[in-house]
Amino acid sequence: MFGQLDYGDRKYSGLRPNSKFRYLVEQVDDQSPLCDFTVKVGLWTKRFHRCVLASSRFFQRAMSANFTEKQRGLVDVSVGTPNSVEMAIMYLYGIVPDINIDNVELLLEQAEYFMIEGLKITCINWLRDFEITKETYIYVLKLSSVYNFEVPNCMEYVESHLPEVFKTQDALYFSRELIQKLFTDERLSYVSMDERLSFLMHWVRNNSDETKANVKELFDTIDIQDITDSLLREASCVGILNDFMVSSNVERTLHGGECKCDVLLMTGEKGSLLCFNPQNDTWYKLIPENSNDILYRNISGIRNTKPELYFTKGEGHCCV
């Protein structure tokens, strides 16, 4: 909670010496009859000048024709606290608020609500100068995502501590767009594929409402060939990832050149093909929609009507 603004002896310390708003601020402080428009937040009310409030598009619209606020000379604000509302409005009078980590989010919210671009920029610049630590980077990252701006030193912290960041609970609330950016940034190649897939597993569980297409987009940035067998087995327990891994393992082999190991092939129902790799003790299933004769031209005798078992040397277009 914030207390009421107390300018004390420094009432005008935030004003430029020759500010034309000085006497208007005095009138607000004294609640002069010249303050002709009332702002209400809950039980709190305070009068300000219409001509000053009009520099905010929010108040400009509230005071325009066909709005009851114009007739009443009062607007009821539903966002923010009395303190944040007053700080935002006094910014229109030339007083820059004393921004700190405890009120910057409220001020950003108020700047958006009142459409005061200058106040938003002031808050963003403060955050860009703010020292980022492991206790604050998630908070700053969240603000930058919600209010659509970048804090370079915050991203630098995340990028230089990414394996550690991926293990935090807060990282599970990263947006898909941010994860995509982190996964595809070549400068972050020091983060292993195991660390990426492990994080993606937890993120998928925490964001179960994410669409399959969006998850697939993230999964496709991971090179399955660099994942350890133990993690692959663990990831196969996550249904949506298992579907991707089955398809990815087979398709990467089919289109990735010659196979260099022996495999066991077994035809299944409706022309599907099951592939067993004895080297990693793993079965793969070729999805029927990918089953066409050209992929298996080196495998003779496959029929769709009767299950059969084949053993073949790894060459040509065989599956692994």
Protein backbone atom coordinates (compact mmCIF):
# COMPACT_ATOMS: atom_id res chain seq x y z
CA MET A 1 0.00 0.00 0.00
CA PHE A 2 1.11 3.51 -0.70
CA GLY A 3 0.52 6.53 1.52
CA GLN A 4 -0.74 9.83 0.24
CA LEU A 5 1.74 12.02 -1.57
CA ASP A 6 3.62 14.29 0.81
CA TYR A 7 5.52 17.01 -0.99
CA GLY A 8 6.57 18.68 2.28
CA ASP A 9 9.20 21.40 1.86
CA ARG A 10 10.12 19.91 -1.50
CA LYS A 11 6.69 20.54 -3.00
CA TYR A 12 8.07 21.81 -6.28
CA SER A 13 11.46 20.09 -6.33
CA GLY A 14 10.41 17.98 -9.33
CA LEU A 15 9.49 21.06 -11.37
CA ARG A 16 11.70 23.01 -13.70
CA PRO A 17 12.42 26.47 -12.16
CA ASN A 18 10.35 28.35 -14.71
CA SER A 19 7.61 25.79 -15.04
CA LYS A 20 4.31 27.25 -16.20
CA PHE A 21 2.56 24.64 -14.03
CA ARG A 22 3.85 25.95 -10.71
CA TYR A 23 0.79 27.95 -9.81
CA LEU A 24 -1.54 25.24 -11.12
CA VAL A 25 0.15 22.78 -8.76
CA GLU A 26 -0.41 25.20 -5.89
CA GLN A 27 -4.09 25.35 -6.80
CA VAL A 28 -4.33 21.56 -6.80
CA ASP A 29 -2.59 21.43 -3.44
CA ASP A 30 -5.04 23.98 -2.01
CA GLN A 31 -7.98 22.41 -3.86
CA SER A 32 -8.84 25.78 -5.32
CA PRO A 33 -12.27 26.35 -6.91
CA LEU A 34 -10.31 26.79 -10.16
CA CYS A 35 -9.73 23.03 -10.11
CA ASP A 36 -12.85 22.19 -12.11
CA PHE A 37 -12.78 18.44 -12.67
CA THR A 38 -12.96 15.70 -10.03
CA VAL A 39 -11.17 12.36 -10.16
CA LYS A 40 -12.55 9.59 -7.95
CA VAL A 41 -10.90 6.32 -6.90
CA GLY A 42 -13.07 4.40 -4.47
CA LEU A 43 -13.81 6.78 -1.61
CA TRP A 44 -10.91 9.08 -2.54
CA THR A 45 -11.61 12.20 -4.60
CA LYS A 46 -9.52 15.13 -5.72
CA ARG A 47 -10.05 18.04 -8.07
CA PHE A 48 -7.73 18.95 -10.95
CA HIS A 49 -7.78 21.28 -13.96
CA ARG A 50 -9.64 20.18 -17.07
CA CYS A 51 -7.08 21.90 -19.29
CA VAL A 52 -4.25 19.84 -17.76
CA LEU A 53 -6.13 16.55 -17.66
CA ALA A 54 -6.96 16.97 -21.34
CA SER A 55 -3.31 16.25 -22.21
CA SER A 56 -4.17 12.61 -21.39
CA ARG A 57 -6.23 10.91 -24.10
CA PHE A 58 -8.13 9.02 -21.41
CA PHE A 59 -9.37 12.22 -19.77
CA GLN A 60 -9.77 13.92 -23.12
CA ARG A 61 -12.27 11.26 -24.13
CA ALA A 62 -13.97 11.32 -20.73
CA MET A 63 -14.55 15.06 -21.11
CA SER A 64 -15.66 14.92 -24.73
CA ALA A 65 -19.22 15.26 -25.99
CA ASN A 66 -21.76 12.52 -25.27
CA PHE A 67 -19.97 11.39 -22.11
CA THR A 68 -21.79 11.79 -18.80
CA GLU A 69 -18.45 12.62 -17.17
CA LYS A 70 -18.45 15.91 -19.05
CA GLN A 71 -21.78 16.89 -17.56
CA ARG A 72 -20.94 15.77 -14.05
CA GLY A 73 -17.39 17.11 -14.06
CA LEU A 74 -16.28 13.83 -12.48
CA VAL A 75 -14.63 10.62 -13.65
CA ASP A 76 -14.55 7.40 -11.64
CA VAL A 77 -11.22 5.59 -12.16
CA SER A 78 -11.33 1.81 -11.74
CA VAL A 79 -7.61 1.07 -12.17
CA GLY A 80 -4.88 1.80 -9.65
CA THR A 81 -4.74 3.22 -6.15
CA PRO A 82 -5.32 6.81 -5.02
CA ASN A 83 -1.57 7.22 -4.75
CA SER A 84 -0.73 5.85 -8.21
CA VAL A 85 -3.57 7.83 -9.80
CA GLU A 86 -2.39 11.04 -8.18
CA MET A 87 1.25 10.44 -9.15
CA ALA A 88 0.23 9.81 -12.76
CA ILE A 89 -1.93 12.92 -12.93
CA MET A 90 0.71 15.10 -11.27
CA TYR A 91 3.09 13.95 -14.02
CA LEU A 92 0.82 15.95 -16.35
CA TYR A 93 1.64 18.98 -14.17
CA GLY A 94 5.36 18.42 -14.68
CA ILE A 95 6.13 16.50 -11.46
CA VAL A 96 8.13 13.32 -12.12
CA PRO A 97 7.21 10.64 -9.56
CA ASP A 98 9.79 9.04 -7.31
CA ILE A 99 9.95 5.64 -9.00
CA ASN A 100 11.10 2.55 -7.11
CA ILE A 101 10.78 -1.22 -7.50
CA ASP A 102 7.66 -1.21 -5.33
CA ASN A 103 5.65 1.27 -7.38
CA VAL A 104 6.97 0.94 -10.94
CA GLU A 105 4.38 -1.69 -11.90
CA LEU A 106 1.51 0.45 -10.62
CA LEU A 107 2.85 3.47 -12.49
CA LEU A 108 3.21 1.48 -15.72
CA GLU A 109 -0.35 0.26 -15.34
CA GLN A 110 -1.56 3.79 -14.69
CA ALA A 111 0.38 5.19 -17.64
CA GLU A 112 -1.22 2.61 -19.93
CA TYR A 113 -4.70 3.24 -18.54
CA PHE A 114 -4.45 7.02 -18.78
CA MET A 115 -2.51 6.80 -22.08
CA ILE A 116 0.33 8.96 -20.78
CA GLU A 117 3.20 7.95 -23.05
CA GLY A 118 5.77 10.16 -21.31
CA LEU A 119 5.15 8.49 -17.94
CA LYS A 120 5.49 5.05 -19.48
CA ILE A 121 8.81 6.01 -21.09
CA THR A 122 10.00 7.42 -17.75
CA CYS A 123 9.24 4.09 -16.03
CA ILE A 124 10.91 2.10 -18.81
CA ASN A 125 14.07 4.21 -18.62
CA TRP A 126 14.14 3.72 -14.85
CA LEU A 127 13.91 -0.06 -15.30
CA ARG A 128 16.68 -0.01 -17.90
CA ASP A 129 18.97 1.66 -15.36
CA PHE A 130 17.89 -0.67 -12.57
CA GLU A 131 20.42 -3.24 -11.32
CA ILE A 132 19.25 -6.73 -12.32
CA THR A 133 19.80 -9.57 -9.85
CA LYS A 134 18.53 -13.13 -9.50
CA GLU A 135 15.84 -11.79 -7.16
CA THR A 136 14.51 -9.19 -9.61
CA TYR A 137 15.10 -10.38 -13.19
CA ILE A 138 11.86 -12.39 -13.42
CA TYR A 139 9.81 -9.44 -12.19
CA VAL A 140 11.41 -7.05 -14.68
CA LEU A 141 11.05 -9.62 -17.46
CA LYS A 142 7.35 -9.97 -16.69
CA LEU A 143 6.84 -6.20 -16.84
CA SER A 144 8.69 -5.94 -20.15
CA SER A 145 6.50 -8.70 -21.59
CA VAL A 146 3.19 -7.29 -20.30
CA TYR A 147 3.93 -3.70 -21.38
CA ASN A 148 5.83 -4.56 -24.56
CA PHE A 149 9.31 -3.12 -24.13
CA GLU A 150 12.83 -4.46 -23.75
CA VAL A 151 15.28 -4.16 -20.89
CA PRO A 152 18.66 -5.10 -22.40
CA ASN A 153 20.46 -5.68 -19.09
CA CYS A 154 17.66 -8.00 -17.98
CA MET A 155 17.94 -10.12 -21.13
CA GLU A 156 21.71 -10.13 -20.74
CA TYR A 157 21.29 -11.56 -17.25
CA VAL A 158 18.89 -14.25 -18.48
CA GLU A 159 21.12 -15.20 -21.41
CA SER A 160 24.26 -15.49 -19.24
CA HIS A 161 22.47 -17.60 -16.60
CA LEU A 162 20.10 -19.56 -18.85
CA PRO A 163 20.69 -23.11 -17.52
CA GLU A 164 20.12 -21.81 -13.99
CA VAL A 165 17.09 -19.77 -15.10
CA PHE A 166 15.51 -22.81 -16.82
CA LYS A 167 15.49 -24.65 -13.48
CA THR A 168 13.44 -21.99 -11.69
CA GLN A 169 9.70 -22.17 -11.16
CA ASP A 170 9.29 -18.68 -12.54
CA ALA A 171 10.68 -19.72 -15.93
CA LEU A 172 7.66 -21.98 -16.42
CA TYR A 173 5.63 -18.81 -16.99
CA PHE A 174 7.83 -17.56 -19.83
CA SER A 175 5.87 -16.76 -22.96
CA ARG A 176 6.17 -19.05 -25.97
CA GLU A 177 7.65 -16.14 -27.93
CA LEU A 178 10.41 -15.61 -25.36
CA ILE A 179 11.27 -19.32 -25.28
CA GLN A 180 11.39 -19.40 -29.08
CA LYS A 181 13.79 -16.47 -29.01
CA LEU A 182 16.03 -18.14 -26.43
CA PHE A 183 15.99 -21.52 -28.21
CA THR A 184 16.90 -20.08 -31.61
CA ASP A 185 19.54 -17.56 -30.54
CA GLU A 186 22.87 -18.93 -31.80
CA ARG A 187 24.72 -17.07 -29.05
CA LEU A 188 23.03 -19.38 -26.54
CA SER A 189 24.29 -22.59 -28.09
CA TYR A 190 26.21 -23.23 -24.87
CA VAL A 191 22.93 -24.45 -23.39
CA SER A 192 22.79 -28.18 -24.09
CA MET A 193 19.93 -29.89 -25.90
CA ASP A 194 19.29 -31.92 -22.76
CA GLU A 195 18.80 -28.71 -20.75
CA ARG A 196 16.45 -27.34 -23.38
CA LEU A 197 14.32 -30.47 -23.64
CA SER A 198 14.20 -30.88 -19.86
CA PHE A 199 12.91 -27.32 -19.53
CA LEU A 200 10.42 -27.81 -22.36
CA MET A 201 9.03 -30.92 -20.62
CA HIS A 202 8.26 -28.95 -17.47
CA TRP A 203 7.00 -25.94 -19.41
CA VAL A 204 4.56 -28.11 -21.41
CA ARG A 205 3.19 -29.65 -18.21
CA ASN A 206 2.71 -26.17 -16.73
CA ASN A 207 1.10 -24.77 -19.90
CA SER A 208 -1.25 -27.57 -20.84
CA ASP A 209 -3.54 -25.16 -22.70
CA GLU A 210 -0.81 -24.30 -25.22
CA THR A 211 -1.68 -25.47 -28.72
CA LYS A 212 0.03 -28.49 -30.24
CA ALA A 213 1.29 -26.38 -33.14
CA ASN A 214 2.98 -23.91 -30.79
CA VAL A 215 4.66 -26.67 -28.78
CA LYS A 216 5.78 -28.34 -32.02
CA GLU A 217 7.41 -25.09 -33.09
CA LEU A 218 9.48 -25.08 -29.88
CA PHE A 219 10.24 -28.79 -30.11
CA ASP A 220 11.56 -28.44 -33.65
CA THR A 221 14.36 -26.17 -32.40
CA ILE A 222 15.81 -29.09 -30.41
CA ASP A 223 18.16 -31.55 -32.10
CA ILE A 224 16.93 -34.94 -30.93
CA GLN A 225 20.16 -36.59 -32.05
CA ASP A 226 21.97 -34.72 -29.25
CA ILE A 227 19.57 -35.83 -26.50
CA THR A 228 20.66 -38.57 -24.10
CA ASP A 229 18.66 -41.82 -24.10
CA SER A 230 17.66 -41.44 -20.47
CA LEU A 231 16.09 -38.01 -21.09
CA LEU A 232 14.37 -39.26 -24.24
CA ARG A 233 12.72 -42.01 -22.21
CA GLU A 234 11.66 -39.43 -19.62
CA ALA A 235 10.30 -37.09 -22.28
CA SER A 236 8.34 -39.93 -23.87
CA CYS A 237 6.11 -39.86 -20.77
CA VAL A 238 4.88 -36.41 -21.85
CA GLY A 239 2.22 -37.36 -24.37
CA ILE A 240 2.51 -34.45 -26.78
CA LEU A 241 6.33 -34.62 -26.81
CA ASN A 242 6.26 -38.38 -27.36
CA ASP A 243 4.20 -37.86 -30.51
CA PHE A 244 6.77 -35.40 -31.80
CA MET A 245 9.72 -37.63 -30.91
CA VAL A 246 8.32 -40.65 -32.71
CA SER A 247 7.78 -38.65 -35.87
CA SER A 248 11.06 -36.75 -35.54
CA ASN A 249 13.25 -39.80 -34.99
CA VAL A 250 11.87 -41.62 -38.02
CA GLU A 251 11.71 -38.66 -40.37
CA ARG A 252 15.18 -37.37 -39.50
CA THR A 253 16.62 -40.77 -40.38
CA LEU A 254 14.62 -41.18 -43.54
CA HIS A 255 15.76 -37.83 -44.90
CA GLY A 256 19.12 -37.53 -43.22
CA GLY A 257 21.23 -39.85 -45.36
CA GLU A 258 22.35 -43.45 -45.01
CA CYS A 259 21.62 -45.50 -41.93
CA LYS A 260 24.67 -47.15 -40.38
CA CYS A 261 23.16 -49.77 -38.09
CA ASP A 262 20.99 -52.88 -38.29
CA VAL A 263 17.29 -52.50 -37.61
CA LEU A 264 14.33 -54.81 -37.18
CA LEU A 265 11.24 -53.92 -39.19
CA MET A 266 7.72 -55.18 -38.67
CA THR A 267 4.66 -54.22 -40.64
CA GLY A 268 1.54 -53.37 -38.72
CA GLU A 269 -2.06 -52.56 -39.50
CA LYS A 270 -3.00 -50.42 -42.51
CA GLY A 271 0.52 -50.37 -43.84
CA SER A 272 2.19 -48.82 -40.79
CA LEU A 273 5.76 -49.81 -40.05
CA LEU A 274 7.32 -50.53 -36.66
CA CYS A 275 11.08 -50.10 -36.40
CA PHE A 276 13.26 -51.52 -33.64
CA ASN A 277 16.79 -50.24 -33.08
CA PRO A 278 18.76 -52.81 -31.03
CA GLN A 279 21.50 -50.25 -30.32
CA ASN A 280 19.29 -48.14 -28.05
CA ASP A 281 16.61 -50.74 -27.35
CA THR A 282 13.90 -48.47 -28.78
CA TRP A 283 10.82 -49.00 -30.95
CA TYR A 284 9.63 -46.37 -33.39
CA LYS A 285 6.38 -46.25 -35.32
CA LEU A 286 6.22 -44.76 -38.78
CA ILE A 287 3.04 -42.72 -39.07
CA PRO A 288 0.75 -44.07 -41.84
CA GLU A 289 0.46 -40.70 -43.57
CA ASN A 290 4.23 -40.85 -44.22
CA SER A 291 4.08 -44.40 -45.50
CA ASN A 292 4.75 -44.41 -49.21
CA ASP A 293 6.61 -46.96 -51.30
CA ILE A 294 9.50 -44.71 -52.23
CA LEU A 295 10.69 -44.58 -48.62
CA TYR A 296 11.00 -48.37 -48.47
CA ARG A 297 12.28 -49.17 -51.93
CA ASN A 298 15.22 -51.12 -50.44
CA ILE A 299 12.88 -53.26 -48.34
CA SER A 300 11.24 -55.99 -50.40
CA GLY A 301 8.11 -57.98 -49.72
CA ILE A 302 6.18 -55.50 -47.52
CA ARG A 303 2.46 -56.16 -47.70
CA ASN A 304 -0.37 -54.28 -46.04
CA THR A 305 -2.69 -57.21 -45.50
CA LYS A 306 -0.59 -59.50 -43.33
CA PRO A 307 1.83 -58.68 -40.47
CA GLU A 308 5.38 -59.71 -41.38
CA LEU A 309 8.77 -59.43 -39.72
CA TYR A 310 11.95 -58.30 -41.47
CA PHE A 311 15.58 -57.82 -40.55
CA THR A 312 17.66 -55.58 -42.75
CA LYS A 313 21.09 -54.01 -42.88
CA GLY A 314 21.15 -50.26 -42.27
CA GLU A 315 21.60 -48.71 -45.67
CA GLY A 316 19.77 -46.49 -48.09
CA HIS A 317 16.38 -45.39 -46.78
CA CYS A 318 16.03 -47.77 -43.84
CA CYS A 319 14.62 -46.51 -40.54
CA VAL A 320 16.46 -46.20 -37.26
